[in-house]
N, C-alpha and C. Protein backbone atom coordinates (compact mmCIF):
# COMPACT_ATOMS: atom_id res chain seq x y z
N MET A 1 0.81 -1.15 0.00
CA MET A 1 0.00 0.00 0.00
C MET A 1 0.87 1.23 0.00
N PHE A 2 0.36 2.09 -0.76
CA PHE A 2 1.11 3.33 -0.91
C PHE A 2 0.60 4.36 0.07
N PRO A 3 1.50 5.11 0.56
CA PRO A 3 1.04 6.15 1.47
C PRO A 3 0.28 7.23 0.69
N ARG A 4 -0.67 7.76 1.37
CA ARG A 4 -1.48 8.81 0.73
C ARG A 4 -1.33 10.10 1.48
N ILE A 5 -1.39 11.17 0.67
CA ILE A 5 -1.33 12.51 1.26
C ILE A 5 -2.78 13.02 1.33
N SER A 6 -3.12 13.58 2.44
CA SER A 6 -4.47 14.13 2.61
C SER A 6 -4.39 15.65 2.44
N ILE A 7 -5.17 16.15 1.49
CA ILE A 7 -5.21 17.59 1.23
C ILE A 7 -6.65 18.06 1.47
N GLN A 8 -6.79 19.01 2.33
CA GLN A 8 -8.12 19.60 2.60
C GLN A 8 -8.03 21.10 2.36
N SER A 9 -9.04 21.60 1.66
CA SER A 9 -9.06 23.05 1.40
C SER A 9 -10.34 23.67 2.00
N GLN A 10 -10.17 24.87 2.38
CA GLN A 10 -11.32 25.61 2.96
C GLN A 10 -11.49 26.88 2.14
N ARG A 11 -12.67 27.07 1.70
CA ARG A 11 -12.93 28.25 0.87
C ARG A 11 -12.93 29.50 1.71
N ALA A 12 -12.67 30.58 1.02
CA ALA A 12 -12.74 31.88 1.70
C ALA A 12 -14.20 32.35 1.71
N LEU A 13 -14.60 32.99 2.78
CA LEU A 13 -15.95 33.57 2.88
C LEU A 13 -15.81 35.06 3.12
N ILE A 14 -16.44 35.82 2.25
CA ILE A 14 -16.43 37.27 2.40
C ILE A 14 -17.77 37.68 3.02
N GLY A 15 -17.73 38.43 4.08
CA GLY A 15 -18.95 38.92 4.73
C GLY A 15 -19.25 40.35 4.28
N ILE A 16 -20.50 40.59 3.95
CA ILE A 16 -20.92 41.94 3.53
C ILE A 16 -22.12 42.34 4.38
N GLU A 17 -21.99 43.46 5.03
CA GLU A 17 -23.12 44.05 5.77
C GLU A 17 -23.38 45.43 5.17
N SER A 18 -24.64 45.69 4.89
CA SER A 18 -24.94 47.01 4.31
C SER A 18 -26.17 47.61 4.99
N GLN A 19 -26.16 48.90 5.06
CA GLN A 19 -27.32 49.65 5.52
C GLN A 19 -27.74 50.55 4.38
N ARG A 20 -29.00 50.55 4.09
CA ARG A 20 -29.49 51.38 2.99
C ARG A 20 -29.41 52.84 3.35
N GLY A 21 -29.26 53.66 2.31
CA GLY A 21 -29.34 55.10 2.52
C GLY A 21 -30.80 55.50 2.74
N GLN A 22 -31.02 56.59 3.43
CA GLN A 22 -32.39 57.03 3.74
C GLN A 22 -32.57 58.48 3.31
N TYR A 23 -33.73 58.71 2.74
CA TYR A 23 -34.13 60.08 2.41
C TYR A 23 -35.04 60.58 3.51
N GLU A 24 -34.80 61.79 3.93
CA GLU A 24 -35.68 62.44 4.90
C GLU A 24 -36.22 63.69 4.20
N ILE A 25 -37.50 63.67 3.92
CA ILE A 25 -38.12 64.76 3.17
C ILE A 25 -39.14 65.44 4.08
N SER A 26 -38.98 66.73 4.23
CA SER A 26 -39.98 67.50 4.98
C SER A 26 -40.36 68.71 4.13
N ARG A 27 -41.63 69.03 4.18
CA ARG A 27 -42.10 70.16 3.38
C ARG A 27 -42.99 71.03 4.25
N PRO A 28 -42.54 72.23 4.55
CA PRO A 28 -43.39 73.12 5.36
C PRO A 28 -44.65 73.51 4.59
N GLN A 29 -45.71 73.77 5.33
CA GLN A 29 -46.97 74.20 4.72
C GLN A 29 -46.78 75.56 4.05
N PRO A 30 -47.46 75.77 2.92
CA PRO A 30 -47.37 77.10 2.30
C PRO A 30 -48.09 78.13 3.16
N GLU A 31 -47.65 79.35 3.06
CA GLU A 31 -48.28 80.44 3.82
C GLU A 31 -49.18 81.21 2.86
N LEU A 32 -50.43 81.33 3.23
CA LEU A 32 -51.39 82.05 2.41
C LEU A 32 -51.77 83.35 3.10
N LYS A 33 -51.70 84.42 2.35
CA LYS A 33 -52.18 85.72 2.84
C LYS A 33 -53.32 86.13 1.91
N ILE A 34 -54.50 86.19 2.47
CA ILE A 34 -55.69 86.50 1.68
C ILE A 34 -56.25 87.83 2.16
N HIS A 35 -56.45 88.73 1.22
CA HIS A 35 -57.03 90.04 1.53
C HIS A 35 -58.22 90.25 0.60
N SER A 36 -59.37 90.49 1.19
CA SER A 36 -60.56 90.69 0.36
C SER A 36 -61.25 91.99 0.73
N GLU A 37 -61.79 92.63 -0.29
CA GLU A 37 -62.59 93.83 -0.10
C GLU A 37 -64.00 93.49 -0.55
N ARG A 38 -64.96 93.86 0.26
CA ARG A 38 -66.35 93.54 -0.05
C ARG A 38 -66.85 94.36 -1.23
N ALA A 39 -67.77 93.76 -1.95
CA ALA A 39 -68.44 94.50 -3.02
C ALA A 39 -69.43 95.47 -2.38
N THR A 40 -69.63 96.60 -3.03
CA THR A 40 -70.55 97.62 -2.51
C THR A 40 -71.76 97.69 -3.44
N ILE A 41 -72.93 97.53 -2.86
CA ILE A 41 -74.17 97.59 -3.63
C ILE A 41 -74.94 98.82 -3.18
N THR A 42 -75.28 99.67 -4.13
CA THR A 42 -76.06 100.87 -3.85
C THR A 42 -77.36 100.77 -4.63
N ALA A 43 -78.48 100.82 -3.92
CA ALA A 43 -79.79 100.73 -4.57
C ALA A 43 -80.59 101.97 -4.22
N ASN A 44 -80.96 102.72 -5.24
CA ASN A 44 -81.81 103.90 -5.06
C ASN A 44 -83.18 103.57 -5.63
N ASN A 45 -84.17 103.61 -4.77
CA ASN A 45 -85.53 103.30 -5.19
C ASN A 45 -86.42 104.47 -4.84
N LYS A 46 -86.82 105.22 -5.85
CA LYS A 46 -87.72 106.34 -5.62
C LYS A 46 -89.15 105.79 -5.57
N PRO A 47 -90.01 106.44 -4.80
CA PRO A 47 -91.38 105.94 -4.74
C PRO A 47 -92.08 106.12 -6.09
N GLY A 48 -93.01 105.22 -6.34
CA GLY A 48 -93.78 105.29 -7.58
C GLY A 48 -94.79 106.43 -7.53
N ILE A 49 -95.47 106.63 -8.63
CA ILE A 49 -96.46 107.71 -8.75
C ILE A 49 -97.84 107.07 -8.77
N LEU A 50 -98.69 107.49 -7.82
CA LEU A 50 -100.06 107.00 -7.74
C LEU A 50 -100.98 108.13 -8.16
N SER A 51 -101.73 107.90 -9.23
CA SER A 51 -102.69 108.90 -9.71
C SER A 51 -104.10 108.39 -9.44
N ILE A 52 -104.92 109.24 -8.83
CA ILE A 52 -106.30 108.88 -8.52
C ILE A 52 -107.20 109.88 -9.25
N ASP A 53 -108.05 109.36 -10.13
CA ASP A 53 -108.98 110.20 -10.89
C ASP A 53 -110.36 110.05 -10.26
N GLN A 54 -110.87 111.14 -9.64
CA GLN A 54 -112.17 111.12 -8.97
C GLN A 54 -113.21 111.94 -9.73
N ASN A 55 -112.96 112.25 -10.97
CA ASN A 55 -113.89 113.08 -11.73
C ASN A 55 -115.28 112.45 -11.80
N LEU A 56 -115.34 111.14 -12.07
CA LEU A 56 -116.65 110.48 -12.17
C LEU A 56 -117.36 110.47 -10.82
N THR A 57 -116.59 110.32 -9.72
CA THR A 57 -117.20 110.35 -8.39
C THR A 57 -117.73 111.75 -8.08
N ASN A 58 -116.96 112.78 -8.42
CA ASN A 58 -117.43 114.15 -8.21
C ASN A 58 -118.67 114.44 -9.05
N ASP A 59 -118.72 113.90 -10.28
CA ASP A 59 -119.91 114.08 -11.11
C ASP A 59 -121.13 113.45 -10.45
N ALA A 60 -120.94 112.27 -9.83
CA ALA A 60 -122.07 111.57 -9.21
C ALA A 60 -122.50 112.24 -7.91
N LEU A 61 -121.58 112.83 -7.15
CA LEU A 61 -121.93 113.41 -5.85
C LEU A 61 -122.34 114.87 -5.94
N THR A 62 -121.60 115.69 -6.66
CA THR A 62 -121.84 117.13 -6.66
C THR A 62 -122.18 117.69 -8.02
N GLY A 63 -122.22 116.87 -9.02
CA GLY A 63 -122.47 117.36 -10.37
C GLY A 63 -121.18 117.64 -11.11
N GLY A 64 -120.06 117.66 -10.42
CA GLY A 64 -118.77 117.83 -11.07
C GLY A 64 -118.43 119.28 -11.31
N LYS A 65 -117.47 119.52 -12.17
CA LYS A 65 -117.05 120.88 -12.51
C LYS A 65 -118.18 121.56 -13.30
N PRO A 66 -118.25 122.88 -13.22
CA PRO A 66 -119.36 123.59 -13.89
C PRO A 66 -119.47 123.28 -15.38
N GLN A 67 -118.38 123.20 -16.07
CA GLN A 67 -118.45 122.94 -17.51
C GLN A 67 -119.06 121.57 -17.78
N ALA A 68 -118.61 120.53 -17.04
CA ALA A 68 -119.17 119.19 -17.23
C ALA A 68 -120.64 119.16 -16.81
N PHE A 69 -120.98 119.91 -15.76
CA PHE A 69 -122.36 119.95 -15.27
C PHE A 69 -123.29 120.51 -16.35
N TRP A 70 -122.93 121.68 -16.92
CA TRP A 70 -123.81 122.30 -17.91
C TRP A 70 -123.82 121.52 -19.21
N GLU A 71 -122.73 120.89 -19.59
CA GLU A 71 -122.73 120.06 -20.80
C GLU A 71 -123.66 118.87 -20.64
N ARG A 72 -123.70 118.29 -19.44
CA ARG A 72 -124.59 117.16 -19.18
C ARG A 72 -126.06 117.60 -19.33
N ILE A 73 -126.38 118.79 -18.78
CA ILE A 73 -127.77 119.28 -18.85
C ILE A 73 -128.12 119.64 -20.29
N TYR A 74 -127.24 120.37 -20.99
CA TYR A 74 -127.55 120.78 -22.36
C TYR A 74 -127.68 119.58 -23.29
N SER A 75 -126.91 118.54 -23.03
CA SER A 75 -127.01 117.37 -23.91
C SER A 75 -128.36 116.67 -23.77
N GLN A 76 -129.05 116.87 -22.64
CA GLN A 76 -130.35 116.23 -22.44
C GLN A 76 -131.50 117.08 -23.02
N TYR A 77 -131.25 118.35 -23.32
CA TYR A 77 -132.33 119.23 -23.77
C TYR A 77 -132.85 118.87 -25.16
N LYS A 78 -132.06 118.28 -26.01
CA LYS A 78 -132.57 117.86 -27.31
C LYS A 78 -133.68 116.83 -27.13
N GLN A 79 -133.42 115.88 -26.24
CA GLN A 79 -134.43 114.85 -25.98
C GLN A 79 -135.65 115.46 -25.28
N VAL A 80 -135.43 116.39 -24.34
CA VAL A 80 -136.55 117.03 -23.63
C VAL A 80 -137.38 117.85 -24.61
N ALA A 81 -136.73 118.56 -25.53
CA ALA A 81 -137.46 119.36 -26.52
C ALA A 81 -138.30 118.46 -27.41
N ALA A 82 -137.74 117.30 -27.82
CA ALA A 82 -138.50 116.37 -28.66
C ALA A 82 -139.71 115.83 -27.90
N GLN A 83 -139.53 115.51 -26.61
CA GLN A 83 -140.65 115.02 -25.80
C GLN A 83 -141.71 116.11 -25.62
N ASN A 84 -141.29 117.35 -25.42
CA ASN A 84 -142.24 118.45 -25.25
C ASN A 84 -143.05 118.68 -26.53
N ILE A 85 -142.39 118.62 -27.68
CA ILE A 85 -143.11 118.79 -28.95
C ILE A 85 -144.14 117.69 -29.12
N GLN A 86 -143.73 116.45 -28.78
CA GLN A 86 -144.64 115.32 -28.89
C GLN A 86 -145.83 115.51 -27.94
N GLN A 87 -145.55 115.98 -26.72
CA GLN A 87 -146.63 116.18 -25.75
C GLN A 87 -147.56 117.32 -26.18
N ILE A 88 -147.01 118.38 -26.79
CA ILE A 88 -147.85 119.49 -27.28
C ILE A 88 -148.78 118.99 -28.39
N VAL A 89 -148.25 118.15 -29.26
CA VAL A 89 -149.09 117.59 -30.34
C VAL A 89 -150.19 116.73 -29.75
N GLU A 90 -149.84 115.87 -28.75
CA GLU A 90 -150.85 115.01 -28.13
C GLU A 90 -151.91 115.86 -27.42
N ASN A 91 -151.46 116.90 -26.70
CA ASN A 91 -152.42 117.77 -25.99
C ASN A 91 -153.32 118.51 -26.99
N GLY A 92 -152.73 118.95 -28.11
CA GLY A 92 -153.54 119.62 -29.14
C GLY A 92 -154.57 118.68 -29.73
N ASN A 93 -154.18 117.44 -29.95
CA ASN A 93 -155.12 116.45 -30.48
C ASN A 93 -156.23 116.17 -29.48
N ARG A 94 -155.89 116.15 -28.19
CA ARG A 94 -156.90 115.91 -27.16
C ARG A 94 -157.90 117.07 -27.12
N MET A 95 -157.37 118.28 -27.21
CA MET A 95 -158.28 119.43 -27.18
C MET A 95 -159.11 119.50 -28.47
N GLY A 96 -158.58 119.01 -29.54
CA GLY A 96 -159.32 119.06 -30.81
C GLY A 96 -160.35 117.95 -30.92
N ALA A 97 -160.28 116.96 -30.05
CA ALA A 97 -161.24 115.86 -30.10
C ALA A 97 -162.48 116.27 -29.32
N LEU A 98 -163.41 116.84 -29.99
CA LEU A 98 -164.61 117.36 -29.33
C LEU A 98 -165.60 116.25 -29.01
N HIS A 99 -165.46 115.13 -29.59
CA HIS A 99 -166.38 114.02 -29.34
C HIS A 99 -166.13 113.36 -27.99
N ILE A 100 -164.98 113.68 -27.34
CA ILE A 100 -164.69 113.12 -26.02
C ILE A 100 -165.21 114.10 -25.00
N LYS A 101 -166.02 113.55 -24.08
CA LYS A 101 -166.59 114.40 -23.05
C LYS A 101 -165.55 114.68 -22.01
N GLY A 102 -165.63 115.72 -21.30
CA GLY A 102 -164.73 116.10 -20.24
C GLY A 102 -164.11 117.45 -20.54
N SER A 103 -163.21 117.83 -19.65
CA SER A 103 -162.54 119.12 -19.80
C SER A 103 -161.07 118.83 -20.06
N PRO A 104 -160.66 118.80 -21.36
CA PRO A 104 -159.29 118.45 -21.66
C PRO A 104 -158.29 119.49 -21.17
N ILE A 105 -158.63 120.76 -21.11
CA ILE A 105 -157.68 121.79 -20.67
C ILE A 105 -157.39 121.62 -19.19
N ALA A 106 -158.40 121.33 -18.37
CA ALA A 106 -158.18 121.10 -16.94
C ALA A 106 -157.38 119.84 -16.72
N ASP A 107 -157.66 118.80 -17.51
CA ASP A 107 -156.91 117.54 -17.36
C ASP A 107 -155.43 117.73 -17.74
N ILE A 108 -155.19 118.51 -18.79
CA ILE A 108 -153.80 118.77 -19.22
C ILE A 108 -153.08 119.60 -18.16
N ALA A 109 -153.74 120.61 -17.58
CA ALA A 109 -153.13 121.44 -16.56
C ALA A 109 -152.82 120.63 -15.32
N LEU A 110 -153.77 119.75 -14.93
CA LEU A 110 -153.54 118.89 -13.76
C LEU A 110 -152.37 117.94 -14.02
N GLY A 111 -152.32 117.35 -15.22
CA GLY A 111 -151.23 116.43 -15.56
C GLY A 111 -149.86 117.12 -15.55
N ASP A 112 -149.83 118.37 -16.10
CA ASP A 112 -148.56 119.11 -16.09
C ASP A 112 -148.14 119.47 -14.67
N PHE A 113 -149.14 119.78 -13.82
CA PHE A 113 -148.83 120.13 -12.43
C PHE A 113 -148.28 118.92 -11.67
N ILE A 114 -148.90 117.78 -11.87
CA ILE A 114 -148.45 116.56 -11.17
C ILE A 114 -147.09 116.11 -11.71
N GLU A 115 -146.93 116.18 -13.02
CA GLU A 115 -145.68 115.70 -13.63
C GLU A 115 -144.52 116.61 -13.27
N GLY A 116 -144.69 117.89 -13.21
CA GLY A 116 -143.64 118.83 -12.84
C GLY A 116 -142.68 119.06 -13.98
N ALA A 117 -141.53 119.59 -13.61
CA ALA A 117 -140.49 119.91 -14.60
C ALA A 117 -139.93 118.61 -15.17
N PRO A 118 -139.30 118.70 -16.34
CA PRO A 118 -138.75 117.48 -16.93
C PRO A 118 -137.62 116.92 -16.05
N ASP A 119 -137.53 115.59 -16.06
CA ASP A 119 -136.49 114.91 -15.27
C ASP A 119 -135.16 114.99 -16.04
N LEU A 120 -134.28 115.80 -15.52
CA LEU A 120 -132.94 115.91 -16.10
C LEU A 120 -131.95 115.21 -15.16
N GLN A 121 -131.01 114.53 -15.74
CA GLN A 121 -129.98 113.90 -14.91
C GLN A 121 -128.91 114.95 -14.65
N VAL A 122 -128.98 115.51 -13.43
CA VAL A 122 -128.06 116.57 -13.05
C VAL A 122 -126.72 115.98 -12.60
N PHE A 123 -126.78 114.87 -11.91
CA PHE A 123 -125.58 114.23 -11.38
C PHE A 123 -125.16 113.10 -12.31
N GLY A 124 -123.86 112.73 -12.20
CA GLY A 124 -123.35 111.64 -13.01
C GLY A 124 -123.84 110.30 -12.47
N HIS A 125 -123.54 109.25 -13.20
CA HIS A 125 -123.95 107.90 -12.83
C HIS A 125 -123.13 107.43 -11.63
N ALA A 126 -123.83 106.93 -10.60
CA ALA A 126 -123.13 106.42 -9.41
C ALA A 126 -122.71 104.98 -9.66
N SER A 127 -121.43 104.70 -9.39
CA SER A 127 -120.91 103.35 -9.62
C SER A 127 -119.69 103.14 -8.72
N PRO A 128 -119.47 101.90 -8.28
CA PRO A 128 -118.26 101.65 -7.46
C PRO A 128 -116.97 101.79 -8.27
N THR A 129 -117.06 101.81 -9.59
CA THR A 129 -115.85 101.91 -10.42
C THR A 129 -115.61 103.34 -10.87
N ASN A 130 -116.21 104.33 -10.19
CA ASN A 130 -116.03 105.73 -10.59
C ASN A 130 -114.63 106.25 -10.29
N ILE A 131 -113.93 105.64 -9.35
CA ILE A 131 -112.57 106.10 -9.03
C ILE A 131 -111.59 105.25 -9.84
N ALA A 132 -110.72 105.93 -10.57
CA ALA A 132 -109.71 105.23 -11.38
C ALA A 132 -108.34 105.42 -10.73
N PHE A 133 -107.70 104.30 -10.47
CA PHE A 133 -106.35 104.32 -9.89
C PHE A 133 -105.35 103.97 -10.97
N GLN A 134 -104.23 104.68 -10.97
CA GLN A 134 -103.13 104.35 -11.88
C GLN A 134 -101.83 104.50 -11.12
N TYR A 135 -101.07 103.41 -11.07
CA TYR A 135 -99.79 103.42 -10.35
C TYR A 135 -98.67 103.23 -11.36
N THR A 136 -97.71 104.12 -11.34
CA THR A 136 -96.54 104.03 -12.22
C THR A 136 -95.30 103.85 -11.34
N PRO A 137 -94.73 102.63 -11.34
CA PRO A 137 -93.54 102.42 -10.51
C PRO A 137 -92.31 103.07 -11.15
N ASN A 138 -91.41 103.52 -10.32
CA ASN A 138 -90.14 104.05 -10.81
C ASN A 138 -89.14 102.91 -10.91
N ASP A 139 -88.18 103.08 -11.77
CA ASP A 139 -87.15 102.05 -11.93
C ASP A 139 -86.22 102.07 -10.73
N VAL A 140 -85.78 100.87 -10.37
CA VAL A 140 -84.81 100.75 -9.28
C VAL A 140 -83.42 100.94 -9.88
N ASN A 141 -82.65 101.81 -9.27
CA ASN A 141 -81.29 102.07 -9.75
C ASN A 141 -80.33 101.31 -8.84
N ILE A 142 -79.77 100.23 -9.36
CA ILE A 142 -78.85 99.39 -8.58
C ILE A 142 -77.46 99.52 -9.19
N GLN A 143 -76.51 99.88 -8.35
CA GLN A 143 -75.12 99.99 -8.80
C GLN A 143 -74.28 99.07 -7.92
N VAL A 144 -73.43 98.30 -8.58
CA VAL A 144 -72.57 97.35 -7.87
C VAL A 144 -71.12 97.71 -8.17
N GLU A 145 -70.37 97.98 -7.12
CA GLU A 145 -68.93 98.17 -7.27
C GLU A 145 -68.27 96.87 -6.84
N ARG A 146 -67.52 96.30 -7.75
CA ARG A 146 -66.94 94.99 -7.49
C ARG A 146 -65.91 95.06 -6.38
N GLY A 147 -65.87 94.00 -5.62
CA GLY A 147 -64.86 93.90 -4.57
C GLY A 147 -63.56 93.38 -5.17
N ASN A 148 -62.61 93.11 -4.30
CA ASN A 148 -61.31 92.66 -4.77
C ASN A 148 -60.84 91.53 -3.87
N LEU A 149 -60.18 90.56 -4.46
CA LEU A 149 -59.64 89.44 -3.70
C LEU A 149 -58.18 89.28 -4.11
N THR A 150 -57.29 89.38 -3.12
CA THR A 150 -55.87 89.22 -3.37
C THR A 150 -55.38 88.03 -2.57
N VAL A 151 -54.78 87.07 -3.26
CA VAL A 151 -54.23 85.88 -2.60
C VAL A 151 -52.73 85.86 -2.86
N ASP A 152 -51.95 85.88 -1.78
CA ASP A 152 -50.50 85.81 -1.88
C ASP A 152 -50.07 84.50 -1.23
N ALA A 153 -49.53 83.61 -2.04
CA ALA A 153 -49.11 82.31 -1.54
C ALA A 153 -47.59 82.25 -1.49
N GLN A 154 -47.06 81.95 -0.33
CA GLN A 154 -45.61 81.79 -0.15
C GLN A 154 -45.36 80.29 -0.06
N ILE A 155 -44.76 79.76 -1.11
CA ILE A 155 -44.53 78.32 -1.17
C ILE A 155 -43.10 78.04 -0.72
N HIS A 156 -42.93 77.05 0.13
CA HIS A 156 -41.61 76.66 0.61
C HIS A 156 -41.17 75.40 -0.13
N ARG A 157 -39.89 75.40 -0.51
CA ARG A 157 -39.36 74.22 -1.19
C ARG A 157 -39.26 73.07 -0.19
N PRO A 158 -39.38 71.87 -0.68
CA PRO A 158 -39.22 70.75 0.23
C PRO A 158 -37.75 70.63 0.69
N ASP A 159 -37.58 70.22 1.93
CA ASP A 159 -36.24 70.02 2.49
C ASP A 159 -35.93 68.53 2.37
N ILE A 160 -34.98 68.22 1.51
CA ILE A 160 -34.63 66.82 1.26
C ILE A 160 -33.23 66.58 1.81
N GLN A 161 -33.11 65.62 2.71
CA GLN A 161 -31.80 65.24 3.25
C GLN A 161 -31.61 63.76 3.00
N PHE A 162 -30.38 63.44 2.58
CA PHE A 162 -30.05 62.05 2.31
C PHE A 162 -29.01 61.59 3.33
N HIS A 163 -29.35 60.56 4.05
CA HIS A 163 -28.41 59.95 5.00
C HIS A 163 -27.82 58.73 4.30
N ARG A 164 -26.49 58.82 4.10
CA ARG A 164 -25.83 57.76 3.35
C ARG A 164 -25.84 56.46 4.13
N GLY A 165 -25.95 55.42 3.40
CA GLY A 165 -25.86 54.10 4.01
C GLY A 165 -24.39 53.70 4.10
N SER A 166 -24.16 52.48 4.49
CA SER A 166 -22.77 52.02 4.60
C SER A 166 -22.71 50.57 4.13
N VAL A 167 -21.52 50.24 3.67
CA VAL A 167 -21.25 48.86 3.27
C VAL A 167 -19.97 48.43 3.99
N ARG A 168 -20.04 47.36 4.70
CA ARG A 168 -18.87 46.83 5.41
C ARG A 168 -18.56 45.47 4.82
N ILE A 169 -17.35 45.39 4.27
CA ILE A 169 -16.92 44.13 3.67
C ILE A 169 -15.77 43.60 4.53
N TYR A 170 -15.88 42.37 4.91
CA TYR A 170 -14.83 41.78 5.75
C TYR A 170 -14.68 40.31 5.38
N MET A 171 -13.57 39.76 5.83
CA MET A 171 -13.31 38.34 5.59
C MET A 171 -13.89 37.57 6.74
N GLN A 172 -14.89 36.84 6.43
CA GLN A 172 -15.53 36.05 7.47
C GLN A 172 -14.72 34.76 7.71
N GLN A 173 -14.15 34.26 6.65
CA GLN A 173 -13.34 33.05 6.77
C GLN A 173 -12.24 33.13 5.72
N TYR A 174 -11.03 32.97 6.19
CA TYR A 174 -9.90 33.04 5.26
C TYR A 174 -9.75 31.70 4.56
N PRO A 175 -9.20 31.71 3.36
CA PRO A 175 -8.99 30.43 2.68
C PRO A 175 -7.75 29.73 3.27
N LYS A 176 -7.84 28.45 3.27
CA LYS A 176 -6.65 27.72 3.75
C LYS A 176 -6.62 26.33 3.11
N VAL A 177 -5.45 25.85 3.02
CA VAL A 177 -5.23 24.50 2.48
C VAL A 177 -4.45 23.73 3.55
N THR A 178 -4.96 22.61 3.95
CA THR A 178 -4.30 21.78 4.96
C THR A 178 -3.82 20.50 4.27
N ILE A 179 -2.52 20.32 4.32
CA ILE A 179 -1.95 19.09 3.73
C ILE A 179 -1.46 18.23 4.88
N THR A 180 -1.97 17.06 4.94
CA THR A 180 -1.60 16.13 6.01
C THR A 180 -0.82 14.97 5.36
N PRO A 181 0.48 14.83 5.75
CA PRO A 181 1.23 13.73 5.15
C PRO A 181 0.83 12.41 5.82
N PRO A 182 1.14 11.31 5.20
CA PRO A 182 0.80 10.04 5.84
C PRO A 182 1.74 9.80 7.04
N GLU A 183 1.30 8.95 7.87
CA GLU A 183 2.11 8.66 9.04
C GLU A 183 3.31 7.80 8.60
N ILE A 184 4.40 8.20 9.06
CA ILE A 184 5.61 7.45 8.73
C ILE A 184 6.03 6.73 10.01
N ASP A 185 6.29 5.49 9.81
CA ASP A 185 6.70 4.71 10.97
C ASP A 185 8.21 4.83 11.08
N ILE A 186 8.71 5.47 12.07
CA ILE A 186 10.12 5.66 12.20
C ILE A 186 10.75 4.57 13.12
N THR A 187 10.07 3.74 13.61
CA THR A 187 10.59 2.69 14.49
C THR A 187 11.16 1.53 13.68
N ALA A 188 11.07 1.43 12.64
CA ALA A 188 11.51 0.27 11.91
C ALA A 188 12.97 0.24 11.68
């Protein structure tokens, strides 16, 4: 048997430890300065105009203005004159009818006395709608002065900080080769 040499090798081991780098980011809030001025509204509203026409009511109560009063009476005289002419003709025919017994002149005088003067409408017609109302509204004058809004924004940049990481490289196990010779018997 031949002697044998024993060779053993051990690999090298490299150890690596690392820490990651870190970002630290902070961003302050923006600062806002807001200034506003209110809008101004001015409204001018004049009162409207109310017109009341009472002429028809005055005509019904007091006869109205003198001109309207006399025009009303004169306008009725054409009809009164026509009625009077008709009545004169009828009375003449009655007096001319001699075959009718009685006293036509006394009867006509009594009838005229009882009837009296002709019925003239001195006053105007009475009605609940005699008063006329008319309302004229005025326009509303509205003026608006615009307000103002000022916004001032102060923006801050973000604060970015980087904390570096580290890498540590070391030999965890060194390489080695172990050679073991065979045992030699020196006693022989």
